[in-house]
């Protein structure tokens, strides 16, 4: 049954990516992050529409890079260098508060 007053909306890609990083706690390496997002999008878990290109080191998305830059500028994620020299992606306290607020305001379908 379809309800005419139910409005479906698309979750912004930034929130989807923020949730992925939060779920993993931290993700080591940009290649790993691109692979995880690619796999989740391909399986239909993420409702993102990133375009990926396959390179010798794995999948890469310019769209995903732009989302990561936005999340960094908004201070929702932080990127630090790990001991192996890889970038480590983590959700900041501010990012966790955003996710908590979204979860609190979610209405059941």
N, C-alpha and C. Protein backbone atom coordinates (compact mmCIF):
# COMPACT_ATOMS: atom_id res chain seq x y z
N UNK A 1 0.84 -1.17 0.00
CA UNK A 1 0.00 0.00 0.00
C UNK A 1 0.89 1.24 0.00
N UNK A 2 0.54 2.17 -0.83
CA UNK A 2 1.29 3.41 -0.93
C UNK A 2 0.54 4.52 -0.22
N UNK A 3 1.26 5.30 0.56
CA UNK A 3 0.66 6.42 1.27
C UNK A 3 1.05 7.71 0.57
N UNK A 4 0.08 8.51 0.16
CA UNK A 4 0.40 9.74 -0.58
C UNK A 4 1.14 10.77 0.26
N UNK A 5 1.07 10.70 1.57
CA UNK A 5 1.73 11.69 2.42
C UNK A 5 3.15 11.28 2.82
N UNK A 6 3.57 10.07 2.45
CA UNK A 6 4.92 9.63 2.75
C UNK A 6 5.85 10.16 1.67
N UNK A 7 6.85 10.88 2.10
CA UNK A 7 7.82 11.45 1.18
C UNK A 7 9.13 10.70 1.31
N UNK A 8 9.60 10.18 0.20
CA UNK A 8 10.90 9.52 0.22
C UNK A 8 11.94 10.55 -0.19
N UNK A 9 13.07 10.54 0.51
CA UNK A 9 14.14 11.44 0.13
C UNK A 9 15.44 10.67 0.11
N UNK A 10 16.35 11.21 -0.62
CA UNK A 10 17.65 10.58 -0.78
C UNK A 10 18.60 11.11 0.29
N UNK A 11 19.24 10.20 0.97
CA UNK A 11 20.24 10.59 1.99
C UNK A 11 21.46 11.12 1.24
N UNK A 12 21.95 12.28 1.62
CA UNK A 12 23.13 12.82 0.93
C UNK A 12 24.32 11.86 1.01
N UNK A 13 25.10 11.86 -0.05
CA UNK A 13 26.27 10.99 -0.12
C UNK A 13 27.22 11.22 1.06
N UNK A 14 27.33 12.47 1.50
CA UNK A 14 28.22 12.79 2.62
C UNK A 14 27.82 12.01 3.88
N UNK A 15 26.51 11.93 4.13
CA UNK A 15 26.03 11.20 5.31
C UNK A 15 26.28 9.70 5.15
N UNK A 16 26.05 9.18 3.95
CA UNK A 16 26.30 7.75 3.70
C UNK A 16 27.77 7.41 3.97
N UNK A 17 28.68 8.23 3.46
CA UNK A 17 30.11 7.98 3.66
C UNK A 17 30.48 8.16 5.13
N UNK A 18 29.92 9.14 5.77
CA UNK A 18 30.17 9.35 7.20
C UNK A 18 29.76 8.12 8.00
N UNK A 19 28.62 7.56 7.67
CA UNK A 19 28.15 6.34 8.35
C UNK A 19 29.09 5.17 8.13
N UNK A 20 29.61 5.03 6.91
CA UNK A 20 30.54 3.93 6.61
C UNK A 20 31.80 4.05 7.47
N UNK A 21 32.37 5.24 7.52
CA UNK A 21 33.59 5.44 8.31
C UNK A 21 33.30 5.20 9.79
N UNK A 22 32.17 5.71 10.28
CA UNK A 22 31.81 5.53 11.69
C UNK A 22 31.63 4.05 12.02
N UNK A 23 31.01 3.31 11.12
CA UNK A 23 30.77 1.88 11.36
C UNK A 23 32.09 1.11 11.48
N UNK A 24 33.09 1.52 10.72
CA UNK A 24 34.39 0.84 10.76
C UNK A 24 35.29 1.37 11.87
N UNK A 25 34.91 2.47 12.48
CA UNK A 25 35.75 3.06 13.54
C UNK A 25 36.84 3.91 12.94
N UNK A 26 37.65 3.32 12.11
CA UNK A 26 38.64 4.05 11.32
C UNK A 26 38.96 3.19 10.11
N UNK A 27 39.37 3.85 9.05
CA UNK A 27 39.73 3.12 7.83
C UNK A 27 41.13 3.56 7.45
N UNK A 28 42.03 2.58 7.29
CA UNK A 28 43.42 2.87 6.95
C UNK A 28 43.61 2.79 5.45
N UNK A 29 43.97 3.93 4.87
CA UNK A 29 44.31 3.97 3.45
C UNK A 29 43.15 4.39 2.56
N UNK A 30 43.45 5.30 1.66
CA UNK A 30 42.44 5.81 0.74
C UNK A 30 41.98 4.70 -0.21
N UNK A 31 42.88 3.80 -0.58
CA UNK A 31 42.52 2.69 -1.46
C UNK A 31 41.49 1.80 -0.77
N UNK A 32 41.70 1.53 0.50
CA UNK A 32 40.75 0.71 1.26
C UNK A 32 39.39 1.39 1.35
N UNK A 33 39.40 2.68 1.60
CA UNK A 33 38.15 3.42 1.71
C UNK A 33 37.38 3.39 0.39
N UNK A 34 38.07 3.60 -0.72
CA UNK A 34 37.41 3.56 -2.02
C UNK A 34 36.87 2.16 -2.31
N UNK A 35 37.63 1.12 -1.94
CA UNK A 35 37.19 -0.26 -2.16
C UNK A 35 35.93 -0.57 -1.35
N UNK A 36 35.92 -0.16 -0.09
CA UNK A 36 34.77 -0.43 0.78
C UNK A 36 33.52 0.25 0.23
N UNK A 37 33.65 1.53 -0.12
CA UNK A 37 32.49 2.27 -0.64
C UNK A 37 32.04 1.68 -1.97
N UNK A 38 32.97 1.33 -2.83
CA UNK A 38 32.62 0.72 -4.12
C UNK A 38 31.85 -0.58 -3.90
N UNK A 39 32.36 -1.44 -3.02
CA UNK A 39 31.71 -2.73 -2.76
C UNK A 39 30.30 -2.53 -2.18
N UNK A 40 30.16 -1.61 -1.24
CA UNK A 40 28.85 -1.37 -0.63
C UNK A 40 27.86 -0.77 -1.64
N UNK A 41 28.35 0.10 -2.49
CA UNK A 41 27.49 0.69 -3.52
C UNK A 41 27.06 -0.39 -4.52
N UNK A 42 28.01 -1.22 -4.94
CA UNK A 42 27.72 -2.28 -5.92
C UNK A 42 26.69 -3.27 -5.37
N UNK A 43 26.77 -3.55 -4.07
CA UNK A 43 25.84 -4.49 -3.44
C UNK A 43 24.49 -3.86 -3.11
N UNK A 44 24.39 -2.54 -3.30
CA UNK A 44 23.13 -1.85 -3.03
C UNK A 44 22.95 -1.45 -1.58
N UNK A 45 23.97 -1.62 -0.77
CA UNK A 45 23.91 -1.23 0.64
C UNK A 45 23.93 0.29 0.76
N UNK A 46 24.77 0.93 -0.05
CA UNK A 46 24.82 2.39 -0.11
C UNK A 46 24.01 2.86 -1.31
N UNK A 47 23.23 3.88 -1.09
CA UNK A 47 22.44 4.42 -2.19
C UNK A 47 23.14 5.64 -2.78
N UNK A 48 24.41 5.48 -3.03
CA UNK A 48 25.20 6.55 -3.64
C UNK A 48 25.31 6.28 -5.13
N UNK A 49 25.70 7.31 -5.85
CA UNK A 49 25.85 7.17 -7.29
C UNK A 49 27.24 7.61 -7.73
N UNK A 50 28.24 7.16 -6.99
CA UNK A 50 29.61 7.50 -7.33
C UNK A 50 30.02 6.77 -8.60
N UNK A 51 30.74 7.46 -9.46
CA UNK A 51 31.33 6.83 -10.65
C UNK A 51 32.72 6.35 -10.26
N UNK A 52 32.99 5.09 -10.48
CA UNK A 52 34.30 4.52 -10.15
C UNK A 52 35.04 4.12 -11.41
N UNK A 53 36.35 4.27 -11.36
CA UNK A 53 37.23 3.83 -12.43
C UNK A 53 38.16 2.80 -11.81
N UNK A 54 38.41 1.72 -12.55
CA UNK A 54 39.31 0.68 -12.03
C UNK A 54 40.75 0.99 -12.48
N UNK A 55 41.62 1.09 -11.49
CA UNK A 55 43.05 1.29 -11.74
C UNK A 55 43.79 0.05 -11.26
N UNK A 56 45.09 0.02 -11.46
CA UNK A 56 45.88 -1.15 -11.06
C UNK A 56 45.83 -1.38 -9.56
N UNK A 57 45.64 -0.32 -8.77
CA UNK A 57 45.61 -0.46 -7.31
C UNK A 57 44.20 -0.64 -6.77
N UNK A 58 43.20 -0.55 -7.62
CA UNK A 58 41.81 -0.74 -7.18
C UNK A 58 40.89 0.30 -7.78
N UNK A 59 39.74 0.44 -7.20
CA UNK A 59 38.74 1.38 -7.69
C UNK A 59 38.97 2.77 -7.12
N UNK A 60 38.68 3.77 -7.94
CA UNK A 60 38.85 5.17 -7.54
C UNK A 60 37.65 5.96 -8.02
N UNK A 61 37.19 6.90 -7.19
CA UNK A 61 36.07 7.76 -7.56
C UNK A 61 36.42 9.21 -7.23
N UNK A 62 36.40 10.05 -8.25
CA UNK A 62 36.60 11.49 -8.04
C UNK A 62 35.45 12.04 -7.20
N UNK A 63 34.24 11.53 -7.43
CA UNK A 63 33.07 11.96 -6.67
C UNK A 63 33.26 11.69 -5.18
N UNK A 64 33.76 10.51 -4.85
CA UNK A 64 34.01 10.15 -3.45
C UNK A 64 35.09 11.06 -2.86
N UNK A 65 36.12 11.36 -3.62
CA UNK A 65 37.18 12.27 -3.14
C UNK A 65 36.60 13.64 -2.80
N UNK A 66 35.67 14.12 -3.62
CA UNK A 66 35.04 15.42 -3.36
C UNK A 66 34.20 15.37 -2.08
N UNK A 67 33.51 14.27 -1.85
CA UNK A 67 32.73 14.10 -0.63
C UNK A 67 33.66 14.08 0.58
N UNK A 68 34.78 13.38 0.47
CA UNK A 68 35.75 13.32 1.58
C UNK A 68 36.31 14.70 1.89
N UNK A 69 36.57 15.49 0.85
CA UNK A 69 37.07 16.86 1.06
C UNK A 69 36.02 17.69 1.79
N UNK A 70 34.75 17.54 1.40
CA UNK A 70 33.67 18.28 2.06
C UNK A 70 33.56 17.88 3.52
N UNK A 71 33.62 16.58 3.80
CA UNK A 71 33.53 16.10 5.18
C UNK A 71 34.69 16.63 6.02
N UNK A 72 35.88 16.70 5.42
CA UNK A 72 37.04 17.26 6.12
C UNK A 72 36.86 18.74 6.40
N UNK A 73 36.41 19.49 5.40
CA UNK A 73 36.22 20.94 5.56
C UNK A 73 35.16 21.24 6.61
N UNK A 74 34.15 20.38 6.71
CA UNK A 74 33.10 20.56 7.71
C UNK A 74 33.49 20.03 9.08
N UNK A 75 34.70 19.49 9.19
CA UNK A 75 35.22 18.91 10.43
C UNK A 75 34.36 17.74 10.91
N UNK A 76 33.84 16.96 9.97
CA UNK A 76 33.07 15.78 10.32
C UNK A 76 33.94 14.53 10.31
N UNK A 77 35.05 14.59 9.57
CA UNK A 77 36.05 13.52 9.62
C UNK A 77 37.43 14.16 9.79
N UNK A 78 38.36 13.36 10.25
CA UNK A 78 39.76 13.79 10.31
C UNK A 78 40.59 12.74 9.59
N UNK A 79 41.63 13.21 8.95
CA UNK A 79 42.54 12.32 8.23
C UNK A 79 43.93 12.56 8.81
N UNK A 80 44.50 11.49 9.36
CA UNK A 80 45.84 11.56 9.95
C UNK A 80 46.73 10.52 9.27
N UNK A 81 48.01 10.64 9.46
CA UNK A 81 48.95 9.65 8.94
C UNK A 81 49.16 8.56 9.97
N UNK A 82 48.97 7.33 9.54
CA UNK A 82 49.19 6.18 10.41
C UNK A 82 50.66 5.81 10.42
N UNK A 83 51.01 4.84 11.27
CA UNK A 83 52.42 4.44 11.39
C UNK A 83 53.02 3.91 10.09
N UNK A 84 52.19 3.34 9.22
CA UNK A 84 52.69 2.80 7.95
C UNK A 84 52.73 3.89 6.87
N UNK A 85 52.38 5.12 7.22
CA UNK A 85 52.36 6.20 6.25
C UNK A 85 51.04 6.33 5.51
N UNK A 86 50.09 5.47 5.84
CA UNK A 86 48.77 5.52 5.19
C UNK A 86 47.89 6.55 5.88
N UNK A 87 47.02 7.18 5.10
CA UNK A 87 46.02 8.07 5.68
C UNK A 87 45.03 7.23 6.48
N UNK A 88 44.66 7.73 7.66
CA UNK A 88 43.68 7.06 8.50
C UNK A 88 42.47 7.98 8.60
N UNK A 89 41.31 7.48 8.21
CA UNK A 89 40.06 8.25 8.19
C UNK A 89 39.24 7.88 9.42
N UNK A 90 38.85 8.91 10.19
CA UNK A 90 38.05 8.71 11.40
C UNK A 90 36.98 9.80 11.47
N UNK A 91 35.86 9.46 12.09
CA UNK A 91 34.79 10.43 12.30
C UNK A 91 35.14 11.25 13.54
N UNK A 92 34.98 12.56 13.47
CA UNK A 92 35.25 13.44 14.60
C UNK A 92 34.06 13.41 15.57
N UNK A 93 34.25 14.02 16.72
CA UNK A 93 33.14 14.14 17.69
C UNK A 93 31.96 14.86 17.06
N UNK A 94 32.26 15.92 16.31
CA UNK A 94 31.21 16.66 15.62
C UNK A 94 30.46 15.75 14.64
N UNK A 95 31.19 14.93 13.91
CA UNK A 95 30.57 13.99 12.98
C UNK A 95 29.69 12.98 13.69
N UNK A 96 30.15 12.49 14.84
CA UNK A 96 29.35 11.54 15.63
C UNK A 96 28.06 12.19 16.13
N UNK A 97 28.15 13.46 16.53
CA UNK A 97 26.95 14.19 16.97
C UNK A 97 25.95 14.34 15.83
N UNK A 98 26.46 14.62 14.63
CA UNK A 98 25.57 14.73 13.46
C UNK A 98 24.84 13.41 13.23
N UNK A 99 25.58 12.30 13.28
CA UNK A 99 24.96 10.99 13.07
C UNK A 99 23.96 10.66 14.17
N UNK A 100 24.28 10.99 15.43
CA UNK A 100 23.37 10.75 16.54
C UNK A 100 22.09 11.57 16.37
N UNK A 101 22.23 12.82 15.97
CA UNK A 101 21.07 13.69 15.77
C UNK A 101 20.18 13.13 14.67
N UNK A 102 20.79 12.67 13.59
CA UNK A 102 20.00 12.08 12.50
C UNK A 102 19.27 10.83 12.95
N UNK A 103 19.95 10.01 13.76
CA UNK A 103 19.32 8.77 14.25
C UNK A 103 18.16 9.09 15.21
N UNK A 104 18.31 10.11 16.03
CA UNK A 104 17.25 10.49 16.97
C UNK A 104 16.03 11.04 16.25
N UNK A 105 16.26 11.72 15.15
CA UNK A 105 15.15 12.36 14.43
C UNK A 105 14.55 11.49 13.34
N UNK A 106 15.02 10.27 13.24
CA UNK A 106 14.50 9.35 12.23
C UNK A 106 13.12 8.87 12.63
N UNK A 107 12.21 8.90 11.69
CA UNK A 107 10.85 8.42 11.96
C UNK A 107 10.70 7.03 11.36
N UNK A 108 10.02 6.13 12.07
CA UNK A 108 9.87 4.78 11.54
C UNK A 108 8.98 4.78 10.29
N UNK A 109 9.33 3.91 9.37
CA UNK A 109 8.57 3.83 8.10
C UNK A 109 7.29 3.06 8.29
